[in-house]
Amino acid sequence: MGRLDLIQARWPGLWKLLNNRPARLLLLVIAIAFLSRDFGNAAAIGGPPVLSLQQPPLVPQPKFIEPADSLRRRTKRLADDIELFLKSRQDGHPPYSDGHIDTVGEQGERNKISQAYDVETENLCLAQFRDRIFGVPREIAAKGIPVQYLDKLSAENGNLRCLYQPELDMLRGLSYRLDAGDRAVTF
């Protein structure tokens, strides 16, 4: 037994009203009238209120200018200065050694001259950059940034020497671990 059968059995008057086409039309017209009145009221009221947020006034922030003597700039400058020094020395380098110490004759003379030039380059580099070579990595290490072995280069450790390309690349990489205010940048 379906729902319509149940209505027909229990409420025969309601059943007649549901099956009466003019009554259905009248109910439909009444529903449309109520709905049109609701739509008319809704149109007169308008849409929901629009929330407008005001942007706070812009307060000019003082632009931070990185000091010329910041640790980051000093680190980059040290790497650039040493690299420029080594390139200038390399341009005037005499014929290079073949690497054999016990060579005699003309090649032996070349080896001695080349080795003497390399020792002179090392001494000049240390004379010019010693304080910065030892100071800058220690300052970076004091900021909590690992500097590998660069802070261990000193006369006490027997590692007194100039920095070469791998160390210069390390220095440049360390300078990028500092921000403009010399604070450590963590990734």
N, C-alpha and C. Protein backbone atom coordinates (compact mmCIF):
# COMPACT_ATOMS: atom_id res chain seq x y z
N MET A 1 0.85 -1.16 0.00
CA MET A 1 0.00 0.00 0.00
C MET A 1 0.90 1.23 0.00
N GLY A 2 0.73 2.15 -0.95
CA GLY A 2 1.53 3.36 -1.07
C GLY A 2 0.96 4.49 -0.23
N ARG A 3 1.58 5.59 -0.25
CA ARG A 3 1.16 6.75 0.54
C ARG A 3 -0.14 7.33 0.02
N LEU A 4 -0.27 7.38 -1.28
CA LEU A 4 -1.52 7.92 -1.84
C LEU A 4 -2.70 7.02 -1.49
N ASP A 5 -2.50 5.73 -1.49
CA ASP A 5 -3.57 4.81 -1.10
C ASP A 5 -3.94 5.03 0.36
N LEU A 6 -2.96 5.32 1.18
CA LEU A 6 -3.21 5.57 2.59
C LEU A 6 -4.03 6.85 2.78
N ILE A 7 -3.69 7.91 2.02
CA ILE A 7 -4.46 9.17 2.10
C ILE A 7 -5.89 8.93 1.62
N GLN A 8 -6.04 8.17 0.55
CA GLN A 8 -7.38 7.89 -0.01
C GLN A 8 -8.22 7.12 1.00
N ALA A 9 -7.60 6.20 1.74
CA ALA A 9 -8.35 5.38 2.69
C ALA A 9 -8.67 6.15 3.96
N ARG A 10 -7.80 6.91 4.48
CA ARG A 10 -8.02 7.56 5.77
C ARG A 10 -8.70 8.93 5.65
N TRP A 11 -8.30 9.71 4.66
CA TRP A 11 -8.85 11.07 4.53
C TRP A 11 -9.44 11.27 3.14
N PRO A 12 -10.61 10.83 2.93
CA PRO A 12 -11.20 10.93 1.59
C PRO A 12 -11.41 12.39 1.16
N GLY A 13 -11.67 13.35 2.10
CA GLY A 13 -11.87 14.75 1.73
C GLY A 13 -10.57 15.36 1.19
N LEU A 14 -9.47 15.05 1.82
CA LEU A 14 -8.18 15.52 1.35
C LEU A 14 -7.85 14.91 -0.01
N TRP A 15 -8.27 13.67 -0.16
CA TRP A 15 -8.03 12.99 -1.44
C TRP A 15 -8.76 13.71 -2.56
N LYS A 16 -10.01 14.13 -2.33
CA LYS A 16 -10.78 14.84 -3.35
C LYS A 16 -10.13 16.18 -3.68
N LEU A 17 -9.61 16.89 -2.63
CA LEU A 17 -8.98 18.20 -2.85
C LEU A 17 -7.70 18.05 -3.68
N LEU A 18 -6.93 16.98 -3.41
CA LEU A 18 -5.69 16.76 -4.17
C LEU A 18 -5.96 16.40 -5.62
N ASN A 19 -7.07 15.73 -5.89
CA ASN A 19 -7.39 15.34 -7.25
C ASN A 19 -8.20 16.40 -7.99
N ASN A 20 -8.55 17.49 -7.34
CA ASN A 20 -9.32 18.56 -7.96
C ASN A 20 -8.36 19.54 -8.62
N ARG A 21 -8.40 19.60 -9.97
CA ARG A 21 -7.47 20.45 -10.70
C ARG A 21 -7.68 21.94 -10.41
N PRO A 22 -8.88 22.46 -10.38
CA PRO A 22 -9.03 23.89 -10.08
C PRO A 22 -8.51 24.24 -8.68
N ALA A 23 -8.63 23.31 -7.69
CA ALA A 23 -8.12 23.59 -6.34
C ALA A 23 -6.59 23.64 -6.37
N ARG A 24 -5.95 22.77 -7.12
CA ARG A 24 -4.50 22.78 -7.25
C ARG A 24 -4.02 24.08 -7.90
N LEU A 25 -4.73 24.54 -8.91
CA LEU A 25 -4.39 25.78 -9.58
C LEU A 25 -4.49 26.95 -8.60
N LEU A 26 -5.58 26.96 -7.78
CA LEU A 26 -5.76 28.01 -6.79
C LEU A 26 -4.62 28.00 -5.77
N LEU A 27 -4.23 26.82 -5.28
CA LEU A 27 -3.12 26.73 -4.33
C LEU A 27 -1.80 27.21 -4.97
N LEU A 28 -1.60 26.90 -6.23
CA LEU A 28 -0.40 27.33 -6.95
C LEU A 28 -0.36 28.85 -7.08
N VAL A 29 -1.48 29.47 -7.39
CA VAL A 29 -1.55 30.93 -7.52
C VAL A 29 -1.29 31.59 -6.17
N ILE A 30 -1.88 31.02 -5.09
CA ILE A 30 -1.65 31.58 -3.76
C ILE A 30 -0.16 31.47 -3.38
N ALA A 31 0.48 30.37 -3.69
CA ALA A 31 1.92 30.19 -3.38
C ALA A 31 2.75 31.19 -4.17
N ILE A 32 2.39 31.42 -5.43
CA ILE A 32 3.13 32.39 -6.25
C ILE A 32 2.96 33.79 -5.69
N ALA A 33 1.77 34.12 -5.23
CA ALA A 33 1.52 35.45 -4.66
C ALA A 33 2.37 35.66 -3.41
N PHE A 34 2.41 34.65 -2.53
CA PHE A 34 3.25 34.78 -1.34
C PHE A 34 4.73 34.94 -1.70
N LEU A 35 5.17 34.13 -2.65
CA LEU A 35 6.58 34.20 -3.04
C LEU A 35 6.92 35.54 -3.70
N SER A 36 6.01 36.05 -4.53
CA SER A 36 6.29 37.33 -5.19
C SER A 36 6.36 38.45 -4.16
N ARG A 37 5.50 38.38 -3.14
CA ARG A 37 5.56 39.39 -2.08
C ARG A 37 6.90 39.29 -1.33
N ASP A 38 7.38 38.07 -1.07
CA ASP A 38 8.67 37.90 -0.41
C ASP A 38 9.82 38.43 -1.27
N PHE A 39 9.77 38.13 -2.59
CA PHE A 39 10.82 38.63 -3.49
C PHE A 39 10.78 40.15 -3.56
N GLY A 40 9.60 40.73 -3.57
CA GLY A 40 9.47 42.19 -3.59
C GLY A 40 10.06 42.82 -2.34
N ASN A 41 9.77 42.20 -1.18
CA ASN A 41 10.36 42.72 0.07
C ASN A 41 11.87 42.58 0.07
N ALA A 42 12.37 41.46 -0.46
CA ALA A 42 13.82 41.23 -0.50
C ALA A 42 14.49 42.24 -1.42
N ALA A 43 13.86 42.57 -2.55
CA ALA A 43 14.44 43.54 -3.48
C ALA A 43 14.44 44.93 -2.86
N ALA A 44 13.40 45.27 -2.08
CA ALA A 44 13.33 46.59 -1.46
C ALA A 44 14.39 46.73 -0.37
N ILE A 45 14.67 45.67 0.33
CA ILE A 45 15.67 45.71 1.40
C ILE A 45 17.08 45.79 0.80
N GLY A 46 17.31 45.12 -0.28
CA GLY A 46 18.63 45.09 -0.90
C GLY A 46 19.42 43.88 -0.42
N GLY A 47 20.67 43.83 -0.87
CA GLY A 47 21.52 42.71 -0.52
C GLY A 47 22.08 42.85 0.88
N PRO A 48 22.86 41.92 1.28
CA PRO A 48 23.47 42.00 2.60
C PRO A 48 24.42 43.20 2.66
N PRO A 49 24.64 43.71 3.83
CA PRO A 49 25.53 44.87 3.92
C PRO A 49 26.95 44.50 3.51
N VAL A 50 27.59 45.42 2.84
CA VAL A 50 28.95 45.21 2.37
C VAL A 50 29.90 45.70 3.45
N LEU A 51 30.78 44.81 3.85
CA LEU A 51 31.75 45.14 4.87
C LEU A 51 32.96 45.76 4.20
N SER A 52 33.28 46.96 4.58
CA SER A 52 34.45 47.62 3.98
C SER A 52 35.50 47.80 5.06
N LEU A 53 36.68 47.33 4.75
CA LEU A 53 37.80 47.45 5.68
C LEU A 53 38.70 48.58 5.21
N GLN A 54 39.04 49.42 6.11
CA GLN A 54 39.93 50.52 5.77
C GLN A 54 41.36 50.08 6.00
N GLN A 55 42.17 50.39 5.04
CA GLN A 55 43.58 50.04 5.15
C GLN A 55 44.23 51.00 6.12
N PRO A 56 45.02 50.46 7.05
CA PRO A 56 45.67 51.37 7.99
C PRO A 56 46.64 52.27 7.24
N PRO A 57 46.87 53.45 7.75
CA PRO A 57 47.79 54.35 7.07
C PRO A 57 49.20 53.76 7.04
N LEU A 58 49.84 53.94 5.94
CA LEU A 58 51.20 53.41 5.78
C LEU A 58 52.18 54.27 6.55
N VAL A 59 52.89 53.62 7.42
CA VAL A 59 53.92 54.31 8.19
C VAL A 59 55.23 54.03 7.50
N PRO A 60 55.91 55.04 7.04
CA PRO A 60 57.17 54.77 6.34
C PRO A 60 58.19 54.13 7.29
N GLN A 61 58.70 53.00 6.85
CA GLN A 61 59.70 52.29 7.63
C GLN A 61 61.07 52.80 7.22
N PRO A 62 61.93 53.07 8.16
CA PRO A 62 63.27 53.49 7.77
C PRO A 62 63.98 52.34 7.06
N LYS A 63 64.53 52.64 5.92
CA LYS A 63 65.20 51.61 5.14
C LYS A 63 66.55 51.29 5.79
N PHE A 64 66.77 49.99 6.03
CA PHE A 64 68.02 49.56 6.64
C PHE A 64 69.10 49.54 5.57
N ILE A 65 70.17 50.22 5.84
CA ILE A 65 71.30 50.24 4.91
C ILE A 65 72.42 49.45 5.57
N GLU A 66 72.87 48.46 4.84
CA GLU A 66 73.94 47.61 5.38
C GLU A 66 75.23 48.41 5.50
N PRO A 67 75.85 48.39 6.67
CA PRO A 67 77.09 49.14 6.84
C PRO A 67 78.19 48.59 5.93
N ALA A 68 79.07 49.48 5.54
CA ALA A 68 80.17 49.07 4.64
C ALA A 68 81.12 48.10 5.33
N ASP A 69 81.19 48.14 6.66
CA ASP A 69 82.10 47.26 7.38
C ASP A 69 81.37 46.08 8.02
N SER A 70 80.23 45.70 7.46
CA SER A 70 79.51 44.55 8.01
C SER A 70 80.33 43.28 7.77
N LEU A 71 80.09 42.29 8.59
CA LEU A 71 80.84 41.03 8.48
C LEU A 71 80.61 40.38 7.13
N ARG A 72 79.38 40.46 6.63
CA ARG A 72 79.10 39.85 5.33
C ARG A 72 79.92 40.52 4.23
N ARG A 73 79.94 41.84 4.22
CA ARG A 73 80.71 42.54 3.19
C ARG A 73 82.22 42.34 3.37
N ARG A 74 82.69 42.32 4.60
CA ARG A 74 84.11 42.08 4.84
C ARG A 74 84.51 40.69 4.38
N THR A 75 83.62 39.71 4.56
CA THR A 75 83.92 38.35 4.12
C THR A 75 84.02 38.27 2.60
N LYS A 76 83.06 38.88 1.92
CA LYS A 76 83.11 38.89 0.45
C LYS A 76 84.34 39.65 -0.04
N ARG A 77 84.62 40.80 0.59
CA ARG A 77 85.75 41.61 0.18
C ARG A 77 87.07 40.86 0.38
N LEU A 78 87.20 40.11 1.48
CA LEU A 78 88.41 39.33 1.72
C LEU A 78 88.60 38.29 0.62
N ALA A 79 87.55 37.57 0.28
CA ALA A 79 87.66 36.56 -0.78
C ALA A 79 88.02 37.22 -2.11
N ASP A 80 87.38 38.35 -2.42
CA ASP A 80 87.68 39.05 -3.68
C ASP A 80 89.10 39.59 -3.70
N ASP A 81 89.55 40.17 -2.58
CA ASP A 81 90.91 40.74 -2.53
C ASP A 81 91.97 39.66 -2.68
N ILE A 82 91.80 38.55 -1.99
CA ILE A 82 92.80 37.47 -2.11
C ILE A 82 92.79 36.91 -3.52
N GLU A 83 91.62 36.73 -4.09
CA GLU A 83 91.54 36.19 -5.45
C GLU A 83 92.21 37.15 -6.45
N LEU A 84 91.98 38.43 -6.30
CA LEU A 84 92.60 39.42 -7.18
C LEU A 84 94.12 39.40 -7.00
N PHE A 85 94.58 39.31 -5.75
CA PHE A 85 96.02 39.24 -5.48
C PHE A 85 96.63 38.00 -6.14
N LEU A 86 96.00 36.85 -5.96
CA LEU A 86 96.56 35.61 -6.52
C LEU A 86 96.56 35.64 -8.05
N LYS A 87 95.54 36.23 -8.64
CA LYS A 87 95.52 36.33 -10.12
C LYS A 87 96.62 37.26 -10.62
N SER A 88 96.85 38.35 -9.88
CA SER A 88 97.91 39.27 -10.31
C SER A 88 99.28 38.58 -10.18
N ARG A 89 99.45 37.80 -9.14
CA ARG A 89 100.71 37.07 -8.98
C ARG A 89 100.84 35.96 -10.03
N GLN A 90 99.73 35.36 -10.39
CA GLN A 90 99.77 34.27 -11.37
C GLN A 90 100.13 34.81 -12.75
N ASP A 91 99.71 36.05 -13.05
CA ASP A 91 100.03 36.62 -14.37
C ASP A 91 101.53 36.80 -14.56
N GLY A 92 102.27 37.08 -13.47
CA GLY A 92 103.71 37.27 -13.58
C GLY A 92 104.52 36.06 -13.17
N HIS A 93 103.86 34.91 -13.07
CA HIS A 93 104.54 33.69 -12.62
C HIS A 93 105.55 33.23 -13.66
N PRO A 94 106.78 32.87 -13.23
CA PRO A 94 107.76 32.30 -14.17
C PRO A 94 107.30 30.91 -14.62
N PRO A 95 107.98 30.31 -15.55
CA PRO A 95 107.58 28.98 -15.99
C PRO A 95 107.40 28.03 -14.79
N TYR A 96 106.32 27.27 -14.87
CA TYR A 96 105.95 26.43 -13.72
C TYR A 96 106.86 25.23 -13.55
N SER A 97 106.93 24.75 -12.34
CA SER A 97 107.74 23.59 -11.97
C SER A 97 107.08 22.32 -12.51
N ASP A 98 107.92 21.31 -12.74
CA ASP A 98 107.35 20.02 -13.15
C ASP A 98 107.01 19.16 -11.94
N GLY A 99 107.32 19.65 -10.73
CA GLY A 99 106.95 18.95 -9.51
C GLY A 99 108.03 18.02 -8.98
N HIS A 100 109.11 17.83 -9.69
CA HIS A 100 110.18 16.95 -9.24
C HIS A 100 111.28 17.78 -8.57
N ILE A 101 111.61 17.44 -7.35
CA ILE A 101 112.60 18.20 -6.58
C ILE A 101 114.02 17.91 -7.06
N ASP A 102 114.26 16.67 -7.42
CA ASP A 102 115.63 16.26 -7.75
C ASP A 102 116.00 16.45 -9.22
N THR A 103 115.24 17.25 -9.95
CA THR A 103 115.55 17.49 -11.36
C THR A 103 116.78 18.39 -11.45
N VAL A 104 117.64 18.07 -12.45
CA VAL A 104 118.88 18.86 -12.62
C VAL A 104 118.83 19.56 -13.97
N GLY A 105 119.74 20.48 -14.17
CA GLY A 105 119.84 21.17 -15.44
C GLY A 105 118.87 22.34 -15.53
N GLU A 106 118.48 22.59 -16.75
CA GLU A 106 117.60 23.74 -17.01
C GLU A 106 116.26 23.59 -16.30
N GLN A 107 115.69 22.40 -16.30
CA GLN A 107 114.40 22.18 -15.60
C GLN A 107 114.58 22.36 -14.09
N GLY A 108 115.70 21.96 -13.56
CA GLY A 108 115.97 22.15 -12.14
C GLY A 108 115.99 23.62 -11.76
N GLU A 109 116.58 24.45 -12.64
CA GLU A 109 116.60 25.89 -12.40
C GLU A 109 115.18 26.46 -12.46
N ARG A 110 114.38 26.01 -13.41
CA ARG A 110 112.98 26.45 -13.51
C ARG A 110 112.22 26.09 -12.25
N ASN A 111 112.44 24.87 -11.77
CA ASN A 111 111.75 24.41 -10.57
C ASN A 111 112.09 25.30 -9.37
N LYS A 112 113.40 25.63 -9.22
CA LYS A 112 113.82 26.46 -8.09
C LYS A 112 113.20 27.86 -8.19
N ILE A 113 113.22 28.45 -9.38
CA ILE A 113 112.67 29.79 -9.57
C ILE A 113 111.16 29.78 -9.31
N SER A 114 110.49 28.76 -9.83
CA SER A 114 109.04 28.66 -9.64
C SER A 114 108.68 28.47 -8.17
N GLN A 115 109.42 27.63 -7.48
CA GLN A 115 109.16 27.39 -6.06
C GLN A 115 109.45 28.64 -5.23
N ALA A 116 110.52 29.35 -5.58
CA ALA A 116 110.85 30.58 -4.87
C ALA A 116 109.73 31.62 -5.09
N TYR A 117 109.21 31.69 -6.29
CA TYR A 117 108.12 32.63 -6.59
C TYR A 117 106.86 32.25 -5.79
N ASP A 118 106.59 30.96 -5.70
CA ASP A 118 105.42 30.50 -4.93
C ASP A 118 105.56 30.81 -3.45
N VAL A 119 106.78 30.64 -2.91
CA VAL A 119 107.02 30.96 -1.49
C VAL A 119 106.87 32.47 -1.28
N GLU A 120 107.38 33.25 -2.22
CA GLU A 120 107.25 34.70 -2.13
C GLU A 120 105.77 35.11 -2.18
N THR A 121 105.01 34.48 -3.05
CA THR A 121 103.57 34.76 -3.15
C THR A 121 102.87 34.44 -1.83
N GLU A 122 103.22 33.32 -1.26
CA GLU A 122 102.63 32.92 0.03
C GLU A 122 102.96 33.94 1.12
N ASN A 123 104.22 34.36 1.17
CA ASN A 123 104.64 35.32 2.19
C ASN A 123 103.98 36.68 1.99
N LEU A 124 103.89 37.12 0.75
CA LEU A 124 103.23 38.40 0.46
C LEU A 124 101.74 38.35 0.82
N CYS A 125 101.11 37.23 0.52
CA CYS A 125 99.69 37.06 0.83
C CYS A 125 99.47 37.12 2.33
N LEU A 126 100.31 36.42 3.06
CA LEU A 126 100.16 36.43 4.53
C LEU A 126 100.47 37.81 5.11
N ALA A 127 101.48 38.49 4.54
CA ALA A 127 101.81 39.83 5.04
C ALA A 127 100.65 40.79 4.82
N GLN A 128 99.97 40.63 3.71
CA GLN A 128 98.89 41.56 3.36
C GLN A 128 97.55 41.19 4.02
N PHE A 129 97.26 39.89 4.16
CA PHE A 129 95.91 39.47 4.57
C PHE A 129 95.87 38.67 5.88
N ARG A 130 96.99 38.53 6.58
CA ARG A 130 97.06 37.65 7.75
C ARG A 130 95.93 37.92 8.76
N ASP A 131 95.78 39.15 9.18
CA ASP A 131 94.78 39.45 10.21
C ASP A 131 93.37 39.12 9.74
N ARG A 132 93.09 39.43 8.50
CA ARG A 132 91.74 39.17 7.98
C ARG A 132 91.51 37.68 7.75
N ILE A 133 92.54 36.94 7.31
CA ILE A 133 92.40 35.50 7.09
C ILE A 133 92.05 34.79 8.38
N PHE A 134 92.63 35.23 9.48
CA PHE A 134 92.38 34.56 10.75
C PHE A 134 91.20 35.16 11.50
N GLY A 135 90.93 36.44 11.30
CA GLY A 135 89.87 37.11 12.06
C GLY A 135 88.47 36.86 11.54
N VAL A 136 88.28 36.96 10.23
CA VAL A 136 86.93 36.86 9.66
C VAL A 136 86.29 35.49 9.92
N PRO A 137 86.97 34.37 9.68
CA PRO A 137 86.33 33.08 9.98
C PRO A 137 85.99 32.91 11.45
N ARG A 138 86.82 33.46 12.33
CA ARG A 138 86.53 33.35 13.76
C ARG A 138 85.30 34.18 14.14
N GLU A 139 85.14 35.34 13.52
CA GLU A 139 83.93 36.14 13.77
C GLU A 139 82.68 35.39 13.31
N ILE A 140 82.78 34.74 12.15
CA ILE A 140 81.64 33.99 11.62
C ILE A 140 81.34 32.82 12.54
N ALA A 141 82.38 32.13 13.01
CA ALA A 141 82.18 31.00 13.92
C ALA A 141 81.54 31.48 15.22
N ALA A 142 81.86 32.69 15.67
CA ALA A 142 81.28 33.22 16.90
C ALA A 142 79.78 33.47 16.74
N LYS A 143 79.31 33.62 15.49
CA LYS A 143 77.88 33.81 15.22
C LYS A 143 77.13 32.48 15.24
N GLY A 144 77.86 31.37 15.39
CA GLY A 144 77.23 30.05 15.44
C GLY A 144 77.16 29.37 14.09
N ILE A 145 77.87 29.88 13.11
CA ILE A 145 77.88 29.28 11.77
C ILE A 145 79.13 28.41 11.66
N PRO A 146 78.96 27.14 11.29
CA PRO A 146 80.15 26.28 11.15
C PRO A 146 81.01 26.73 9.97
N VAL A 147 82.32 26.89 10.22
CA VAL A 147 83.24 27.38 9.19
C VAL A 147 84.21 26.30 8.74
N GLN A 148 83.89 25.06 9.02
CA GLN A 148 84.74 23.92 8.71
C GLN A 148 86.09 24.10 9.37
N TYR A 149 87.17 24.24 8.61
CA TYR A 149 88.50 24.33 9.22
C TYR A 149 89.09 25.74 9.09
N LEU A 150 88.34 26.70 8.55
CA LEU A 150 88.90 28.02 8.30
C LEU A 150 89.32 28.75 9.57
N ASP A 151 88.64 28.50 10.69
CA ASP A 151 89.02 29.18 11.93
C ASP A 151 90.23 28.54 12.60
N LYS A 152 90.70 27.41 12.08
CA LYS A 152 91.85 26.71 12.66
C LYS A 152 93.16 27.08 11.97
N LEU A 153 93.11 27.95 10.96
CA LEU A 153 94.33 28.35 10.26
C LEU A 153 95.08 29.35 11.14
N SER A 154 96.19 28.92 11.69
CA SER A 154 97.00 29.82 12.51
C SER A 154 98.40 29.25 12.66
N ALA A 155 99.29 30.08 13.15
CA ALA A 155 100.68 29.64 13.33
C ALA A 155 100.78 28.58 14.43
N GLU A 156 99.88 28.66 15.44
CA GLU A 156 99.94 27.68 16.52
C GLU A 156 99.66 26.26 16.01
N ASN A 157 98.79 26.15 15.02
CA ASN A 157 98.43 24.83 14.49
C ASN A 157 99.36 24.38 13.37
N GLY A 158 100.28 25.22 12.98
CA GLY A 158 101.17 24.87 11.87
C GLY A 158 100.47 24.98 10.52
N ASN A 159 99.33 25.64 10.49
CA ASN A 159 98.56 25.78 9.25
C ASN A 159 98.64 27.20 8.71
N LEU A 160 99.72 27.87 8.92
CA LEU A 160 99.86 29.25 8.49
C LEU A 160 100.07 29.28 6.98
N ARG A 161 99.03 29.67 6.26
CA ARG A 161 99.13 29.75 4.80
C ARG A 161 98.04 30.66 4.26
N CYS A 162 98.21 31.03 3.01
CA CYS A 162 97.21 31.86 2.34
C CYS A 162 96.01 30.99 1.93
N LEU A 163 94.91 31.62 1.65
CA LEU A 163 93.73 30.87 1.20
C LEU A 163 93.75 30.74 -0.31
N TYR A 164 93.32 29.58 -0.79
CA TYR A 164 93.26 29.36 -2.23
C TYR A 164 91.82 29.15 -2.65
N GLN A 165 91.59 28.82 -3.88
CA GLN A 165 90.24 28.85 -4.46
C GLN A 165 89.19 28.06 -3.66
N PRO A 166 89.46 26.85 -3.20
CA PRO A 166 88.42 26.16 -2.42
C PRO A 166 88.04 26.92 -1.15
N GLU A 167 89.05 27.49 -0.47
CA GLU A 167 88.76 28.25 0.75
C GLU A 167 88.04 29.56 0.42
N LEU A 168 88.40 30.18 -0.70
CA LEU A 168 87.72 31.42 -1.10
C LEU A 168 86.26 31.14 -1.42
N ASP A 169 86.00 30.00 -2.05
CA ASP A 169 84.61 29.62 -2.32
C ASP A 169 83.85 29.37 -1.00
N MET A 170 84.55 28.77 -0.03
CA MET A 170 83.92 28.55 1.28
C MET A 170 83.59 29.89 1.94
N LEU A 171 84.52 30.84 1.85
CA LEU A 171 84.27 32.16 2.44
C LEU A 171 83.06 32.83 1.80
N ARG A 172 82.98 32.77 0.48
CA ARG A 172 81.82 33.37 -0.20
C ARG A 172 80.53 32.69 0.25
N GLY A 173 80.58 31.37 0.38
CA GLY A 173 79.39 30.65 0.83
C GLY A 173 79.01 31.04 2.25
N LEU A 174 80.01 31.27 3.10
CA LEU A 174 79.73 31.68 4.48
C LEU A 174 79.14 33.08 4.53
N SER A 175 79.52 33.93 3.59
CA SER A 175 78.97 35.29 3.61
C SER A 175 77.48 35.27 3.31
N TYR A 176 77.01 34.28 2.59
CA TYR A 176 75.58 34.18 2.30
C TYR A 176 74.81 33.59 3.48
N ARG A 177 75.50 33.14 4.49
CA ARG A 177 74.84 32.64 5.70
C ARG A 177 74.61 33.76 6.72
N LEU A 178 74.94 35.00 6.33
CA LEU A 178 74.73 36.17 7.18
C LEU A 178 73.77 37.13 6.47
N ASP A 179 72.90 37.78 7.25
CA ASP A 179 72.04 38.78 6.63
C ASP A 179 72.72 40.14 6.72
N ALA A 180 72.03 41.20 6.27
CA ALA A 180 72.62 42.52 6.22
C ALA A 180 72.95 43.06 7.61
N GLY A 181 72.28 42.55 8.64
CA GLY A 181 72.56 42.96 10.01
C GLY A 181 73.54 42.04 10.71
N ASP A 182 74.26 41.22 9.97
CA ASP A 182 75.25 40.27 10.50
C ASP A 182 74.64 39.23 11.44
N ARG A 183 73.39 38.88 11.21
CA ARG A 183 72.76 37.81 11.98
C ARG A 183 72.82 36.53 11.14
N ALA A 184 72.96 35.42 11.82
CA ALA A 184 73.05 34.13 11.12
C ALA A 184 71.72 33.81 10.46
N VAL A 185 71.77 33.37 9.22
CA VAL A 185 70.59 32.97 8.48
C VAL A 185 70.54 31.45 8.52
N THR A 186 69.43 30.90 8.99
CA THR A 186 69.30 29.44 9.03
C THR A 186 68.32 29.01 7.96
N PHE A 187 68.60 27.89 7.36
CA PHE A 187 67.76 27.38 6.28
C PHE A 187 66.96 26.21 6.79
